[in-house]
Amino acid sequence: MQQTLNIATLVLAILLITFILLQARGAGLGSAFGGESSVYTSRRGAEKILFYLTIGTAVLFFGTAAARLFL
């Protein structure tokens, strides 16, 4: 059980780092690949999915970290 939690925590940590690095600060997902926009817009499409994936991965990561702490 402990080894499974260790592997799950490691995989979630790598995914969380990847999702955070894909998000450009103060810009849309398009600017990460060369596009630029100075107008604030709401999250749409892939950017919105990436945002929710980041939140879900963070919740799962902290859940597995807490489970490792208590087991």
C-alpha atoms as a PDB file:
ATOM      1  CA  MET A   1       0.000   0.000   0.000  1.00  0.00           C
ATOM      2  CA  GLN A   2       2.806   2.399   0.916  1.00  0.00           C
ATOM      3  CA  GLN A   3       4.615   1.810  -2.376  1.00  0.00           C
ATOM      4  CA  THR A   4       1.426   2.418  -4.353  1.00  0.00           C
ATOM      5  CA  LEU A   5       0.907   5.745  -2.583  1.00  0.00           C
ATOM      6  CA  ASN A   6       4.546   6.696  -3.230  1.00  0.00           C
ATOM      7  CA  ILE A   7       4.205   6.012  -6.954  1.00  0.00           C
ATOM      8  CA  ALA A   8       0.850   7.812  -7.160  1.00  0.00           C
ATOM      9  CA  THR A   9       2.297  10.852  -5.374  1.00  0.00           C
ATOM     10  CA  LEU A  10       5.291  10.930  -7.716  1.00  0.00           C
ATOM     11  CA  VAL A  11       3.135  10.686 -10.848  1.00  0.00           C
ATOM     12  CA  LEU A  12       0.749  13.369  -9.562  1.00  0.00           C
ATOM     13  CA  ALA A  13       3.678  15.653  -8.700  1.00  0.00           C
ATOM     14  CA  ILE A  14       5.070  15.360 -12.239  1.00  0.00           C
ATOM     15  CA  LEU A  15       1.635  16.007 -13.751  1.00  0.00           C
ATOM     16  CA  LEU A  16       1.071  19.006 -11.480  1.00  0.00           C
ATOM     17  CA  ILE A  17       4.425  20.534 -12.424  1.00  0.00           C
ATOM     18  CA  THR A  18       3.648  20.010 -16.111  1.00  0.00           C
ATOM     19  CA  PHE A  19       0.189  21.566 -15.881  1.00  0.00           C
ATOM     20  CA  ILE A  20       1.497  24.586 -13.970  1.00  0.00           C
ATOM     21  CA  LEU A  21       4.317  25.181 -16.432  1.00  0.00           C
ATOM     22  CA  LEU A  22       1.894  25.033 -19.362  1.00  0.00           C
ATOM     23  CA  GLN A  23      -0.057  27.940 -17.934  1.00  0.00           C
ATOM     24  CA  ALA A  24       1.448  31.282 -18.923  1.00  0.00           C
ATOM     25  CA  ARG A  25       1.171  33.912 -16.191  1.00  0.00           C
ATOM     26  CA  GLY A  26      -1.310  36.661 -17.098  1.00  0.00           C
ATOM     27  CA  ALA A  27      -1.838  35.407 -20.637  1.00  0.00           C
ATOM     28  CA  GLY A  28      -3.790  32.841 -22.563  1.00  0.00           C
ATOM     29  CA  LEU A  29      -2.566  29.418 -23.567  1.00  0.00           C
ATOM     30  CA  GLY A  30      -1.881  30.734 -27.063  1.00  0.00           C
ATOM     31  CA  SER A  31       0.883  33.013 -25.802  1.00  0.00           C
ATOM     32  CA  ALA A  32       2.814  30.001 -24.541  1.00  0.00           C
ATOM     33  CA  PHE A  33       3.277  29.036 -28.185  1.00  0.00           C
ATOM     34  CA  GLY A  34       4.100  32.485 -29.561  1.00  0.00           C
ATOM     35  CA  GLY A  35       0.774  34.314 -29.769  1.00  0.00           C
ATOM     36  CA  GLU A  36       0.217  37.457 -27.752  1.00  0.00           C
ATOM     37  CA  SER A  37      -2.853  39.356 -26.633  1.00  0.00           C
ATOM     38  CA  SER A  38      -3.054  42.432 -24.421  1.00  0.00           C
ATOM     39  CA  VAL A  39      -6.802  42.146 -23.807  1.00  0.00           C
ATOM     40  CA  TYR A  40      -8.074  40.125 -20.844  1.00  0.00           C
ATOM     41  CA  THR A  41     -10.411  37.341 -21.859  1.00  0.00           C
ATOM     42  CA  SER A  42     -12.039  34.531 -19.931  1.00  0.00           C
ATOM     43  CA  ARG A  43     -10.660  31.025 -20.080  1.00  0.00           C
ATOM     44  CA  ARG A  44     -11.965  29.061 -23.032  1.00  0.00           C
ATOM     45  CA  GLY A  45     -11.329  25.734 -24.636  1.00  0.00           C
ATOM     46  CA  ALA A  46      -8.018  24.074 -23.867  1.00  0.00           C
ATOM     47  CA  GLU A  47      -7.028  26.744 -21.366  1.00  0.00           C
ATOM     48  CA  LYS A  48     -10.147  26.090 -19.279  1.00  0.00           C
ATOM     49  CA  ILE A  49      -9.588  22.333 -19.384  1.00  0.00           C
ATOM     50  CA  LEU A  50      -5.954  22.817 -18.337  1.00  0.00           C
ATOM     51  CA  PHE A  51      -7.074  25.052 -15.457  1.00  0.00           C
ATOM     52  CA  TYR A  52      -9.515  22.446 -14.144  1.00  0.00           C
ATOM     53  CA  LEU A  53      -6.980  19.632 -14.625  1.00  0.00           C
ATOM     54  CA  THR A  54      -4.488  21.601 -12.541  1.00  0.00           C
ATOM     55  CA  ILE A  55      -6.996  22.044  -9.722  1.00  0.00           C
ATOM     56  CA  GLY A  56      -8.019  18.372  -9.805  1.00  0.00           C
ATOM     57  CA  THR A  57      -4.426  17.174  -9.862  1.00  0.00           C
ATOM     58  CA  ALA A  58      -3.536  19.441  -6.931  1.00  0.00           C
ATOM     59  CA  VAL A  59      -6.436  18.090  -4.869  1.00  0.00           C
ATOM     60  CA  LEU A  60      -5.441  14.494  -5.637  1.00  0.00           C
ATOM     61  CA  PHE A  61      -1.783  15.251  -4.876  1.00  0.00           C
ATOM     62  CA  PHE A  62      -2.579  16.709  -1.463  1.00  0.00           C
ATOM     63  CA  GLY A  63      -4.940  13.816  -0.772  1.00  0.00           C
ATOM     64  CA  THR A  64      -2.263  11.210  -1.476  1.00  0.00           C
ATOM     65  CA  ALA A  65       0.277  13.231   0.514  1.00  0.00           C
ATOM     66  CA  ALA A  66      -2.085  13.286   3.505  1.00  0.00           C
ATOM     67  CA  ALA A  67      -2.770   9.563   3.119  1.00  0.00           C
ATOM     68  CA  ARG A  68       0.979   8.873   3.142  1.00  0.00           C
ATOM     69  CA  LEU A  69       1.321  10.968   6.286  1.00  0.00           C
ATOM     70  CA  PHE A  70      -1.356   9.084   8.208  1.00  0.00           C
ATOM     71  CA  LEU A  71      -0.515   5.552   7.034  1.00  0.00           C
END
